[in-house]
Amino acid sequence: MHLALEHTNGRGSFGPPIKGIDASVHSTACTFAARTVIQRMALHATRLVSCRVDRSVPMDSAPNLAQRLAPRAWSRALGLSILKCGHSCPSVCGEICEQQKCIVCLNADQKQEIVDFIMQRQLNEIDLTSEDVADRLITLKCGHIFTVETLDGHCKMSEFYEVDEMGTYVRTRVPPVEYQTPPTCPQCRGPITALRYGRVVKRSTLDILEQNVASTMSRSLEKLGPDLEHVSKSLDSYKERAKSITSDTSNLGSISQDCKTAAIEKQEPVSKSLLDLSAMNSIHALSPQETRTWNTLVKPILDVYGRAQNIAMTRGAHVKAYEGALATLYRLEREAIANNPSIVTDSPEPMALRAVHMSIGQPPPTADSRFQIEAYIHTLELRFMLAQVGLARIESLSSTATDELDVKHKKHWKAFVEFIYDSCVADSRKALAVAEKSSASRRAAKCKVFIMRSDFERFRFLTIVGTKSLKVSDPNFADNRERMAQQVSDTRESMIKQLSLYQREYTRSRPTGNKLSLLMEEWKWFKENCATTVQRFVDELEELGEWVKNGKLYEPLSHSEMEDIVKAFRTTFGM
């Protein structure tokens, strides 16, 4: 049983017409439709159970909610309402009688219009006393009249409802996956707003909104590119200027670890507000005077970051509709279980959730996931740059300071940069979740590479800072250096094993059918697009280990070199 999301509207079984849908709907309807279809989704879903149905069938005897919502179930009862002229309404139950034309009162010329496109019957040939729903008439907003059978076929109702051998709609079905255009009048191309076709109309409106959101996200990401490149080229300048910031240890506070943890745990990219001037004082506990200079320096990075974050948090119309319907139907299912004495369970929540997923009958929409993932990646790249500026700031501080405030000052800066890397590790996993949810195995593989890069960047930072803090005068200097060198070696081996695991997971997720030729192609793709990138991290760890253990000259992989890797890595990111 499949319960369609497009049913969730507020008046009658199929809700009010979506106003503003006309020949130019692709360019004008999105704002109004978003307000109508999305913002009231949860409220509307609640009213489904009180929709107009066949009055000859008691509600309690209807097999299930989806069958009650099928058009024939509520339209078998013919419209017996009396129009203002005194004649019976010619339409079906559920349509607004005031919008229907009286066939009896029309003049002879109007009755010669073709209203049945299947049998090519004129209006004067339709039996107004027929009890066959197919012969009932619906007046569209434009004023043209057609039989229900004609409009049902024109609106492709069979793609939205299951039909039995008698031609009766028995239940909803999973809507078509293809992009749907709004149905229009067969004669003048005016909008079809009849309540009977509300599900078809609202599905097409959601598709328009989805396309609009995807287009907006794509343009926003394109505009982000030049600014991201400018920030990248200016990174060395930012690092040099960070070293010359005047230190201020007079107003150091206490780090708010709870706020940092809560921000990382949210199911969205870490907010720009956790990196700006206010947070530097209130959360990261650095002095206002110093952080004002810092904030002015890194403002270009933060501005681009804020835009990338907004793109990553954008949700399409289908996603909002799905989430709204899911939440409301889950609440209704919980209430139904609680009110049913025949159901005895200690875990109503999982039972209700399973029932809702079965009712919806389709996975969450994922059309905007590609742009979300790309935006997530941009936020990671920007934070990697911000962290490098932070490292330059730390390295400018004295490594031999013994004053308590100086030690605390450097510790706060180290904690801030570590928070940046922690957020990168967490957000790269959120990007992976988006990719896996959309069943995009290649994007998922590349997100896993960014997880490994985030882990690598964090570990390298802690190792560099930790090694430079070792003092030769310490009796345990040699042992500490050996211990840190072993940690680098262990991390390197772990990364190699992790890469091998990710490769196996990737090949299992691809539709190869165990054909050797296809498997070889997938291995080749993984090597070129993922393994080569990770190998640079592995080589870097080997050099880092030699520096920690033997004090050999170590030049960390420069940002420009890392950018070359990333650019090559992202060339096929949209695959």
Protein backbone atom coordinates (compact mmCIF):
# COMPACT_ATOMS: atom_id res chain seq x y z
CA MET A 1 0.00 0.00 0.00
CA HIS A 2 1.43 3.33 -1.01
CA LEU A 3 0.29 6.58 0.50
CA ALA A 4 1.10 9.51 -1.75
CA LEU A 5 2.68 12.60 -0.31
CA GLU A 6 0.82 14.82 -2.74
CA HIS A 7 -2.43 14.07 -0.90
CA THR A 8 -1.36 16.17 2.03
CA ASN A 9 -3.42 19.27 1.52
CA GLY A 10 -6.03 21.03 3.51
CA ARG A 11 -9.49 21.03 1.92
CA GLY A 12 -11.14 17.86 0.73
CA SER A 13 -9.37 14.73 -0.43
CA PHE A 14 -7.06 16.51 -2.81
CA GLY A 15 -6.92 20.01 -1.38
CA PRO A 16 -7.43 23.40 -2.95
CA PRO A 17 -6.23 24.22 -6.42
CA ILE A 18 -2.69 25.53 -6.71
CA LYS A 19 -3.27 29.05 -7.90
CA GLY A 20 -0.81 30.65 -10.29
CA ILE A 21 -0.22 27.54 -12.37
CA ASP A 22 -0.62 28.64 -15.97
CA ALA A 23 1.32 28.49 -19.22
CA SER A 24 4.23 30.32 -17.62
CA VAL A 25 4.20 28.21 -14.47
CA HIS A 26 7.87 27.27 -14.76
CA SER A 27 8.94 30.83 -14.12
CA THR A 28 6.20 32.25 -11.87
CA ALA A 29 4.62 29.59 -9.65
CA CYS A 30 7.43 28.52 -7.34
CA THR A 31 7.07 31.05 -4.51
CA PHE A 32 3.31 30.68 -4.07
CA ALA A 33 3.41 26.92 -4.53
CA ALA A 34 6.14 26.57 -1.94
CA ARG A 35 3.98 28.39 0.59
CA THR A 36 0.89 26.38 -0.34
CA VAL A 37 2.39 22.92 -0.68
CA ILE A 38 5.23 22.92 1.81
CA GLN A 39 4.60 25.23 4.76
CA ARG A 40 1.17 23.74 5.50
CA MET A 41 2.19 20.14 4.79
CA ALA A 42 2.01 18.83 8.34
CA LEU A 43 -1.31 20.54 9.05
CA HIS A 44 -2.84 19.26 5.85
CA ALA A 45 -1.75 15.68 6.36
CA THR A 46 -3.66 15.64 9.63
CA ARG A 47 -6.89 16.40 7.82
CA LEU A 48 -6.63 13.52 5.38
CA VAL A 49 -8.76 11.23 7.47
CA SER A 50 -11.68 13.64 7.29
CA CYS A 51 -11.66 13.97 3.49
CA ARG A 52 -14.73 13.58 1.31
CA VAL A 53 -15.36 9.96 0.55
CA ASP A 54 -18.11 7.82 -0.86
CA ARG A 55 -20.96 8.40 1.59
CA SER A 56 -22.39 4.99 0.77
CA VAL A 57 -19.32 3.32 2.24
CA PRO A 58 -18.93 3.71 6.02
CA MET A 59 -15.50 5.00 7.02
CA ASP A 60 -14.95 2.08 9.36
CA SER A 61 -15.49 -0.42 6.55
CA ALA A 62 -13.01 1.16 4.16
CA PRO A 63 -10.01 -1.22 3.86
CA ASN A 64 -7.35 1.41 4.51
CA LEU A 65 -6.56 5.08 4.21
CA ALA A 66 -5.06 4.79 0.75
CA GLN A 67 -8.20 3.15 -0.63
CA ARG A 68 -10.35 5.85 0.95
CA LEU A 69 -8.25 8.41 -0.92
CA ALA A 70 -8.64 6.78 -4.35
CA PRO A 71 -10.69 9.06 -6.66
CA ARG A 72 -13.42 6.55 -7.47
CA ALA A 73 -13.88 5.83 -3.77
CA TRP A 74 -15.04 9.36 -3.11
CA SER A 75 -16.53 10.09 -6.52
CA ARG A 76 -18.88 7.13 -6.93
CA ALA A 77 -21.46 9.11 -5.02
CA LEU A 78 -22.78 11.39 -7.74
CA GLY A 79 -23.14 15.08 -7.14
CA LEU A 80 -26.79 15.48 -6.18
CA SER A 81 -26.44 19.06 -5.05
CA ILE A 82 -28.80 21.58 -6.60
CA LEU A 83 -27.33 24.55 -8.43
CA LYS A 84 -28.68 28.08 -8.08
CA CYS A 85 -30.67 27.62 -11.27
CA GLY A 86 -32.53 24.70 -9.69
CA HIS A 87 -30.95 21.94 -11.80
CA SER A 88 -28.78 19.14 -10.42
CA CYS A 89 -25.00 19.54 -10.34
CA PRO A 90 -23.54 17.55 -13.27
CA SER A 91 -20.18 16.92 -11.60
CA VAL A 92 -18.85 14.34 -9.16
CA CYS A 93 -18.91 14.46 -5.39
CA GLY A 94 -15.96 16.40 -4.13
CA GLU A 95 -15.92 19.10 -6.77
CA ILE A 96 -17.14 22.57 -5.83
CA CYS A 97 -20.66 22.89 -7.23
CA GLU A 98 -20.49 26.68 -7.51
CA GLN A 99 -17.71 26.28 -10.07
CA GLN A 100 -19.70 23.90 -12.28
CA LYS A 101 -21.76 25.08 -15.25
CA CYS A 102 -25.36 23.94 -15.53
CA ILE A 103 -25.58 21.87 -18.70
CA VAL A 104 -29.34 22.28 -18.98
CA CYS A 105 -29.07 26.08 -19.02
CA LEU A 106 -26.40 26.26 -21.73
CA ASN A 107 -27.43 27.41 -25.21
CA ALA A 108 -27.49 25.13 -28.23
CA ASP A 109 -24.10 26.26 -29.58
CA GLN A 110 -22.37 25.57 -26.27
CA LYS A 111 -23.90 22.08 -26.15
CA GLN A 112 -22.20 21.23 -29.44
CA GLU A 113 -18.73 21.39 -27.89
CA ILE A 114 -16.79 18.10 -27.83
CA VAL A 115 -16.47 17.00 -24.21
CA ASP A 116 -15.61 13.33 -24.68
CA PHE A 117 -12.33 13.01 -26.57
CA ILE A 118 -12.45 9.21 -26.51
CA MET A 119 -15.84 8.74 -28.16
CA GLN A 120 -15.89 12.22 -29.73
CA ARG A 121 -19.25 12.98 -28.12
CA GLN A 122 -20.70 16.43 -27.92
CA LEU A 123 -22.09 17.89 -24.72
CA ASN A 124 -25.69 17.38 -25.89
CA GLU A 125 -24.98 13.66 -26.30
CA ILE A 126 -24.04 13.12 -22.65
CA ASP A 127 -26.70 11.46 -20.50
CA LEU A 128 -26.96 13.74 -17.48
CA THR A 129 -28.88 11.07 -15.58
CA SER A 130 -26.19 8.42 -16.03
CA GLU A 131 -24.79 6.90 -12.86
CA ASP A 132 -21.51 6.09 -14.61
CA VAL A 133 -18.84 8.33 -13.08
CA ALA A 134 -16.97 8.33 -16.41
CA ASP A 135 -19.85 10.33 -17.93
CA ARG A 136 -19.98 12.95 -15.21
CA LEU A 137 -18.74 16.39 -16.20
CA ILE A 138 -16.17 18.74 -14.71
CA THR A 139 -16.00 22.45 -15.51
CA LEU A 140 -12.43 23.68 -15.49
CA LYS A 141 -11.35 27.10 -14.28
CA CYS A 142 -11.08 28.28 -17.88
CA GLY A 143 -14.76 27.42 -18.43
CA HIS A 144 -14.30 24.41 -20.72
CA ILE A 145 -16.22 21.26 -19.84
CA PHE A 146 -15.06 17.64 -20.21
CA THR A 147 -16.14 14.22 -19.06
CA VAL A 148 -14.37 12.65 -16.11
CA GLU A 149 -13.09 9.86 -18.35
CA THR A 150 -11.52 12.37 -20.75
CA LEU A 151 -9.81 14.34 -18.00
CA ASP A 152 -8.68 11.20 -16.17
CA GLY A 153 -6.91 10.02 -19.29
CA HIS A 154 -5.54 13.46 -20.10
CA CYS A 155 -4.09 13.82 -16.56
CA LYS A 156 -2.69 10.25 -16.65
CA MET A 157 -4.48 9.26 -13.46
CA SER A 158 -3.56 5.60 -13.99
CA GLU A 159 0.06 6.54 -13.28
CA PHE A 160 -0.93 7.80 -9.84
CA TYR A 161 -3.58 5.22 -8.86
CA GLU A 162 -3.99 1.49 -9.23
CA VAL A 163 -6.92 0.50 -11.41
CA ASP A 164 -8.80 -2.81 -11.21
CA GLU A 165 -10.20 -4.78 -14.13
CA MET A 166 -13.43 -2.79 -13.95
CA GLY A 167 -11.58 0.49 -14.36
CA THR A 168 -12.11 1.48 -10.74
CA TYR A 169 -9.37 3.28 -8.84
CA VAL A 170 -8.67 1.13 -5.81
CA ARG A 171 -5.61 2.68 -4.17
CA THR A 172 -2.75 5.09 -4.67
CA ARG A 173 0.50 4.00 -6.26
CA VAL A 174 4.05 5.32 -6.24
CA PRO A 175 4.09 8.38 -8.51
CA PRO A 176 6.20 8.40 -11.68
CA VAL A 177 9.87 9.17 -11.14
CA GLU A 178 10.11 11.34 -14.26
CA TYR A 179 9.71 15.10 -14.18
CA GLN A 180 6.00 15.97 -14.34
CA THR A 181 4.56 19.05 -16.05
CA PRO A 182 1.32 20.62 -14.74
CA PRO A 183 -1.80 19.28 -16.52
CA THR A 184 -3.57 21.85 -18.66
CA CYS A 185 -6.93 22.19 -20.39
CA PRO A 186 -6.94 20.05 -23.57
CA GLN A 187 -8.53 22.93 -25.47
CA CYS A 188 -6.99 26.21 -24.31
CA ARG A 189 -3.98 25.02 -22.22
CA GLY A 190 -5.33 26.79 -19.16
CA PRO A 191 -4.52 25.32 -15.74
CA ILE A 192 -6.46 22.33 -14.42
CA THR A 193 -7.38 23.07 -10.82
CA ALA A 194 -10.18 20.53 -10.26
CA LEU A 195 -9.85 18.91 -6.83
CA ARG A 196 -10.04 15.46 -8.38
CA TYR A 197 -6.60 16.03 -9.97
CA GLY A 198 -5.01 17.62 -6.93
CA ARG A 199 -2.46 14.86 -6.53
CA VAL A 200 -1.31 15.19 -10.14
CA VAL A 201 -1.13 18.99 -9.91
CA LYS A 202 0.74 19.02 -6.63
CA ARG A 203 3.25 16.43 -7.83
CA SER A 204 4.05 18.58 -10.87
CA THR A 205 4.28 21.66 -8.65
CA LEU A 206 6.77 19.87 -6.40
CA ASP A 207 8.78 18.95 -9.49
CA ILE A 208 8.86 22.58 -10.57
CA LEU A 209 10.03 23.59 -7.10
CA GLU A 210 12.64 20.82 -7.12
CA GLN A 211 13.99 21.94 -10.46
CA ASN A 212 14.02 25.53 -9.27
CA VAL A 213 15.95 24.62 -6.10
CA ALA A 214 18.45 22.51 -8.04
CA SER A 215 19.00 25.31 -10.54
CA THR A 216 19.46 27.85 -7.75
CA MET A 217 21.93 25.61 -5.90
CA SER A 218 23.88 24.98 -9.10
CA ARG A 219 24.17 28.71 -9.87
CA SER A 220 25.15 29.46 -6.28
CA LEU A 221 27.94 26.89 -6.40
CA GLU A 222 29.19 28.32 -9.69
CA LYS A 223 29.35 31.79 -8.15
CA LEU A 224 31.21 30.34 -5.18
CA GLY A 225 34.04 29.01 -7.33
CA PRO A 226 35.91 32.26 -8.13
CA ASP A 227 35.67 33.47 -4.53
CA LEU A 228 36.97 30.13 -3.26
CA GLU A 229 39.88 30.34 -5.66
CA HIS A 230 40.67 33.92 -4.58
CA VAL A 231 40.73 32.90 -0.92
CA SER A 232 43.00 29.97 -1.77
CA LYS A 233 45.48 32.18 -3.61
CA SER A 234 45.53 34.62 -0.68
CA LEU A 235 46.19 31.93 1.93
CA ASP A 236 49.94 32.53 2.24
CA SER A 237 49.24 36.21 2.86
CA TYR A 238 46.70 35.35 5.56
CA LYS A 239 49.21 33.09 7.28
CA GLU A 240 51.93 35.74 7.32
CA ARG A 241 49.56 38.37 8.68
CA ALA A 242 48.32 35.94 11.38
CA LYS A 243 51.85 35.71 12.73
CA SER A 244 51.98 39.44 13.33
CA ILE A 245 48.74 39.74 15.33
CA THR A 246 49.43 41.32 18.71
CA SER A 247 48.82 38.87 21.53
CA ASP A 248 46.43 39.77 24.33
CA THR A 249 46.29 37.54 27.39
CA SER A 250 44.43 39.95 29.62
CA ASN A 251 40.89 38.72 28.94
CA LEU A 252 41.16 34.99 28.45
CA GLY A 253 38.01 33.13 29.47
CA SER A 254 36.95 29.50 29.87
CA ILE A 255 36.39 27.38 26.75
CA SER A 256 32.76 26.30 26.28
CA GLN A 257 33.24 22.66 25.35
CA ASP A 258 29.51 21.89 25.54
CA CYS A 259 28.71 24.48 22.87
CA LYS A 260 31.38 23.06 20.57
CA THR A 261 30.15 19.52 21.05
CA ALA A 262 26.52 20.49 20.45
CA ALA A 263 27.46 22.34 17.24
CA ILE A 264 29.35 19.38 15.84
CA GLU A 265 26.55 16.95 16.63
CA LYS A 266 23.93 18.86 14.61
CA GLN A 267 22.89 17.23 11.35
CA GLU A 268 24.16 20.12 9.23
CA PRO A 269 27.49 21.83 8.53
CA VAL A 270 28.97 23.62 11.52
CA SER A 271 27.54 27.12 11.54
CA LYS A 272 29.61 30.14 10.61
CA SER A 273 28.53 31.60 13.95
CA LEU A 274 30.84 29.07 15.67
CA LEU A 275 33.83 30.61 13.88
CA ASP A 276 33.09 34.34 13.91
CA LEU A 277 34.04 37.14 16.28
CA SER A 278 31.36 36.47 18.88
CA ALA A 279 32.23 32.77 19.15
CA MET A 280 35.95 33.50 19.38
CA ASN A 281 35.19 35.38 22.61
CA SER A 282 32.27 33.48 24.13
CA ILE A 283 33.06 29.90 23.09
CA HIS A 284 36.75 29.72 22.26
CA ALA A 285 37.58 32.11 25.14
CA LEU A 286 40.14 34.33 23.41
CA SER A 287 40.43 38.03 24.21
CA PRO A 288 38.20 40.51 22.31
CA GLN A 289 41.06 42.74 21.21
CA GLU A 290 43.03 39.94 19.61
CA THR A 291 40.04 38.24 18.02
CA ARG A 292 38.85 41.48 16.40
CA THR A 293 42.12 41.62 14.48
CA TRP A 294 41.83 37.91 13.70
CA ASN A 295 38.24 38.24 12.50
CA THR A 296 39.16 41.10 10.16
CA LEU A 297 41.96 38.96 8.73
CA VAL A 298 39.90 35.80 8.05
CA LYS A 299 36.62 37.56 7.13
CA PRO A 300 36.99 36.68 3.40
CA ILE A 301 37.23 32.99 4.33
CA LEU A 302 34.26 33.19 6.69
CA ASP A 303 32.10 35.04 4.17
CA VAL A 304 32.60 32.37 1.51
CA TYR A 305 32.11 29.71 4.17
CA GLY A 306 28.75 31.17 5.16
CA ARG A 307 27.52 31.02 1.57
CA ALA A 308 28.69 27.43 1.14
CA GLN A 309 27.03 26.48 4.42
CA ASN A 310 23.71 27.96 3.28
CA ILE A 311 23.85 25.93 0.06
CA ALA A 312 24.58 22.74 1.98
CA MET A 313 21.56 23.37 4.19
CA THR A 314 19.17 23.98 1.29
CA ARG A 315 16.38 21.42 0.99
CA GLY A 316 14.23 20.83 -2.07
CA ALA A 317 10.45 20.92 -2.13
CA HIS A 318 10.12 17.14 -2.31
CA VAL A 319 12.34 16.73 0.75
CA LYS A 320 10.29 19.19 2.80
CA ALA A 321 7.06 17.54 1.68
CA TYR A 322 8.41 14.09 2.51
CA GLU A 323 9.67 15.09 5.95
CA GLY A 324 6.46 16.96 6.78
CA ALA A 325 4.26 14.06 5.74
CA LEU A 326 6.48 11.54 7.52
CA ALA A 327 6.33 13.46 10.80
CA THR A 328 2.56 13.90 10.69
CA LEU A 329 1.76 10.36 9.60
CA TYR A 330 4.07 9.03 12.29
CA ARG A 331 2.13 10.97 14.92
CA LEU A 332 -1.18 9.69 13.53
CA GLU A 333 0.10 6.12 13.52
CA ARG A 334 1.26 6.45 17.13
CA GLU A 335 -2.19 7.68 18.14
CA ALA A 336 -3.85 4.83 16.25
CA ILE A 337 -1.69 2.25 18.04
CA ALA A 338 -2.35 3.85 21.43
CA ASN A 339 -6.11 3.86 20.82
CA ASN A 340 -6.29 0.27 19.57
CA PRO A 341 -6.71 -2.10 22.55
CA SER A 342 -5.99 -5.14 20.35
CA ILE A 343 -2.39 -4.00 19.82
CA VAL A 344 -0.11 -4.92 22.72
CA THR A 345 3.47 -3.75 22.36
CA ASP A 346 6.28 -2.35 24.48
CA SER A 347 7.78 -0.49 21.51
CA PRO A 348 5.09 1.47 19.66
CA GLU A 349 7.62 3.87 18.11
CA PRO A 350 9.40 1.32 15.85
CA MET A 351 6.05 -0.25 14.96
CA ALA A 352 4.61 3.12 13.98
CA LEU A 353 7.70 4.03 11.97
CA ARG A 354 7.60 0.74 10.04
CA ALA A 355 3.93 1.26 9.25
CA VAL A 356 4.56 4.81 8.01
CA HIS A 357 7.43 3.75 5.76
CA MET A 358 5.24 1.00 4.31
CA SER A 359 2.45 3.52 3.76
CA ILE A 360 4.65 6.06 2.02
CA GLY A 361 6.07 3.32 -0.15
CA GLN A 362 9.02 5.27 -1.54
CA PRO A 363 12.46 6.41 -0.37
CA PRO A 364 13.20 10.05 0.49
CA PRO A 365 13.77 12.35 -2.52
CA THR A 366 17.44 12.88 -3.36
CA ALA A 367 17.51 15.23 -6.36
CA ASP A 368 19.41 17.95 -4.52
CA SER A 369 21.93 15.64 -2.83
CA ARG A 370 24.64 16.21 -5.45
CA PHE A 371 24.69 19.95 -4.76
CA GLN A 372 24.50 19.44 -0.99
CA ILE A 373 27.53 17.17 -1.06
CA GLU A 374 29.53 19.59 -3.21
CA ALA A 375 28.65 22.43 -0.84
CA TYR A 376 29.73 20.28 2.14
CA ILE A 377 33.07 19.70 0.40
CA HIS A 378 33.53 23.45 -0.10
CA THR A 379 32.93 24.06 3.61
CA LEU A 380 35.60 21.47 4.41
CA GLU A 381 38.13 23.06 2.07
CA LEU A 382 37.49 26.48 3.59
CA ARG A 383 37.94 25.14 7.11
CA PHE A 384 41.18 23.43 6.13
CA MET A 385 42.43 26.84 4.99
CA LEU A 386 41.17 28.53 8.15
CA ALA A 387 42.96 25.91 10.25
CA GLN A 388 46.23 26.54 8.41
CA VAL A 389 45.95 30.23 9.22
CA GLY A 390 45.29 29.18 12.83
CA LEU A 391 48.39 26.97 12.83
CA ALA A 392 50.46 29.89 11.58
CA ARG A 393 49.11 31.91 14.50
CA ILE A 394 50.07 29.18 16.98
CA GLU A 395 53.59 28.85 15.54
CA SER A 396 54.10 32.59 16.02
CA LEU A 397 53.56 32.21 19.75
CA SER A 398 56.52 31.42 21.97
CA SER A 399 57.20 27.71 22.43
CA THR A 400 59.26 28.32 25.57
CA ALA A 401 56.82 30.55 27.43
CA THR A 402 56.42 29.65 31.10
CA ASP A 403 54.01 32.37 32.15
CA GLU A 404 50.67 30.84 33.08
CA LEU A 405 48.66 33.24 30.90
CA ASP A 406 50.95 32.72 27.91
CA VAL A 407 50.58 28.96 28.23
CA LYS A 408 46.79 29.29 28.54
CA HIS A 409 46.72 31.65 25.56
CA LYS A 410 48.49 29.18 23.29
CA LYS A 411 46.35 26.34 24.61
CA HIS A 412 43.19 28.24 23.64
CA TRP A 413 44.44 28.78 20.10
CA LYS A 414 45.35 25.11 19.81
CA ALA A 415 41.88 24.13 21.04
CA PHE A 416 40.28 26.43 18.46
CA VAL A 417 42.17 24.88 15.54
CA GLU A 418 41.49 21.40 16.89
CA PHE A 419 37.77 22.27 16.97
CA ILE A 420 37.97 23.24 13.29
CA TYR A 421 39.45 19.85 12.41
CA ASP A 422 36.97 18.01 14.66
CA SER A 423 34.14 19.73 12.81
CA CYS A 424 35.68 18.68 9.47
CA VAL A 425 35.80 15.05 10.56
CA ALA A 426 32.16 15.18 11.67
CA ASP A 427 30.89 17.05 8.61
CA SER A 428 32.68 14.80 6.13
CA ARG A 429 30.72 11.94 7.70
CA LYS A 430 27.49 13.95 7.30
CA ALA A 431 28.29 14.38 3.62
CA LEU A 432 28.82 10.63 3.38
CA ALA A 433 25.41 10.05 4.98
CA VAL A 434 23.80 12.27 2.33
CA ALA A 435 25.57 10.33 -0.44
CA GLU A 436 24.61 6.92 0.98
CA LYS A 437 21.02 8.04 1.50
CA SER A 438 20.81 8.93 -2.19
CA SER A 439 22.45 5.61 -3.21
CA ALA A 440 25.22 7.53 -5.01
CA SER A 441 28.05 5.05 -4.59
CA ARG A 442 30.71 7.08 -6.39
CA ARG A 443 29.95 10.23 -4.45
CA ALA A 444 29.96 8.11 -1.29
CA ALA A 445 33.43 6.78 -2.17
CA LYS A 446 34.74 10.31 -2.63
CA CYS A 447 33.15 11.44 0.63
CA LYS A 448 35.06 8.65 2.34
CA VAL A 449 38.25 10.09 0.90
CA PHE A 450 37.36 13.41 2.51
CA ILE A 451 36.82 11.60 5.80
CA MET A 452 40.34 10.24 5.48
CA ARG A 453 41.69 13.66 4.57
CA SER A 454 39.96 15.25 7.57
CA ASP A 455 41.43 12.60 9.87
CA PHE A 456 44.84 13.10 8.24
CA GLU A 457 44.76 16.91 8.57
CA ARG A 458 43.70 16.68 12.22
CA PHE A 459 46.36 14.10 13.07
CA ARG A 460 49.09 16.03 11.25
CA PHE A 461 48.18 19.22 13.11
CA LEU A 462 48.27 17.53 16.53
CA THR A 463 51.53 15.78 15.68
CA ILE A 464 53.28 18.96 14.52
CA VAL A 465 52.13 20.96 17.54
CA GLY A 466 52.89 18.08 19.90
CA THR A 467 56.38 17.46 18.51
CA LYS A 468 57.34 21.14 18.64
CA SER A 469 56.23 21.27 22.26
CA LEU A 470 58.74 18.55 23.26
CA LYS A 471 61.70 19.86 25.21
CA VAL A 472 65.16 18.39 24.83
CA SER A 473 65.79 19.09 28.51
CA ASP A 474 62.99 16.71 29.42
CA PRO A 475 64.42 13.33 30.60
CA ASN A 476 61.63 11.59 28.67
CA PHE A 477 62.31 13.51 25.46
CA ALA A 478 63.61 10.49 23.50
CA ASP A 479 60.84 8.21 24.72
CA ASN A 480 58.15 10.79 23.91
CA ARG A 481 59.55 11.31 20.44
CA GLU A 482 59.68 7.57 19.84
CA ARG A 483 56.12 7.20 21.06
CA MET A 484 54.86 9.93 18.72
CA ALA A 485 56.77 8.41 15.80
CA GLN A 486 55.07 5.09 16.50
CA GLN A 487 51.68 6.84 16.50
CA VAL A 488 52.45 8.23 13.05
CA SER A 489 53.44 4.77 11.82
CA ASP A 490 50.28 3.21 13.26
CA THR A 491 48.12 5.91 11.69
CA ARG A 492 49.77 5.32 8.34
CA GLU A 493 49.09 1.58 8.49
CA SER A 494 45.52 2.22 9.61
CA MET A 495 44.96 4.54 6.65
CA ILE A 496 46.20 1.89 4.22
CA LYS A 497 43.81 -0.68 5.73
CA GLN A 498 40.95 1.82 5.69
CA LEU A 499 41.55 2.54 2.02
CA SER A 500 41.44 -1.17 1.24
CA LEU A 501 38.16 -1.50 3.15
CA TYR A 502 36.63 1.45 1.29
CA GLN A 503 37.67 -0.10 -2.02
CA ARG A 504 35.90 -3.36 -1.18
CA GLU A 505 32.79 -1.49 -0.04
CA TYR A 506 32.77 0.50 -3.25
CA THR A 507 33.08 -2.48 -5.57
CA ARG A 508 30.32 -4.32 -3.69
CA SER A 509 28.03 -1.32 -4.13
CA ARG A 510 28.44 -1.19 -7.90
CA PRO A 511 26.18 -3.12 -10.34
CA THR A 512 28.91 -5.33 -11.77
CA GLY A 513 27.04 -8.64 -11.71
CA ASN A 514 30.36 -10.27 -10.71
CA LYS A 515 31.64 -9.78 -14.25
CA LEU A 516 35.41 -9.53 -14.23
CA SER A 517 35.54 -6.83 -16.92
CA LEU A 518 33.12 -4.61 -14.98
CA LEU A 519 34.97 -5.25 -11.72
CA MET A 520 38.22 -4.20 -13.35
CA GLU A 521 36.62 -0.98 -14.58
CA GLU A 522 35.39 -0.16 -11.08
CA TRP A 523 38.78 -0.91 -9.53
CA LYS A 524 40.39 1.36 -12.10
CA TRP A 525 37.90 4.16 -11.34
CA PHE A 526 38.51 3.84 -7.59
CA LYS A 527 42.26 3.88 -8.04
CA GLU A 528 42.23 6.98 -10.28
CA ASN A 529 39.66 8.94 -8.29
CA CYS A 530 40.23 7.84 -4.70
CA ALA A 531 43.29 5.67 -4.05
CA THR A 532 45.74 8.04 -5.77
CA THR A 533 44.60 10.90 -3.55
CA VAL A 534 44.89 8.87 -0.35
CA GLN A 535 48.34 7.63 -1.37
CA ARG A 536 49.60 11.21 -1.13
CA PHE A 537 48.40 11.29 2.48
CA VAL A 538 50.14 7.97 3.16
CA ASP A 539 53.42 9.26 1.70
CA GLU A 540 53.08 12.45 3.71
CA LEU A 541 52.69 10.43 6.92
CA GLU A 542 55.87 8.54 6.15
CA GLU A 543 57.79 11.83 5.85
CA LEU A 544 56.12 13.11 9.00
CA GLY A 545 57.22 10.00 10.88
CA GLU A 546 60.82 10.49 9.81
CA TRP A 547 60.71 14.09 11.01
CA VAL A 548 59.28 13.13 14.40
CA LYS A 549 61.67 10.24 14.93
CA ASN A 550 64.94 11.53 13.52
CA GLY A 551 64.44 15.28 13.28
CA LYS A 552 64.93 15.24 9.50
CA LEU A 553 63.83 18.25 7.49
CA TYR A 554 60.08 18.11 7.01
CA GLU A 555 58.12 20.25 4.58
CA PRO A 556 54.39 19.65 5.01
CA LEU A 557 52.37 19.20 1.87
CA SER A 558 51.76 22.80 0.86
CA HIS A 559 48.29 24.16 0.34
CA SER A 560 48.91 24.66 -3.39
CA GLU A 561 50.02 21.03 -3.71
CA MET A 562 46.97 19.90 -1.76
CA GLU A 563 44.76 22.06 -4.00
CA ASP A 564 46.21 20.36 -7.08
CA ILE A 565 45.23 17.02 -5.59
CA VAL A 566 41.77 18.28 -4.70
CA LYS A 567 41.17 19.80 -8.15
CA ALA A 568 42.08 16.54 -9.83
CA PHE A 569 39.96 14.72 -7.30
CA ARG A 570 36.92 16.95 -7.91
CA THR A 571 37.13 16.83 -11.71
CA THR A 572 34.77 13.87 -11.78
CA PHE A 573 33.00 14.55 -8.50
CA GLY A 574 29.62 14.84 -10.18
CA MET A 575 29.76 11.23 -11.39
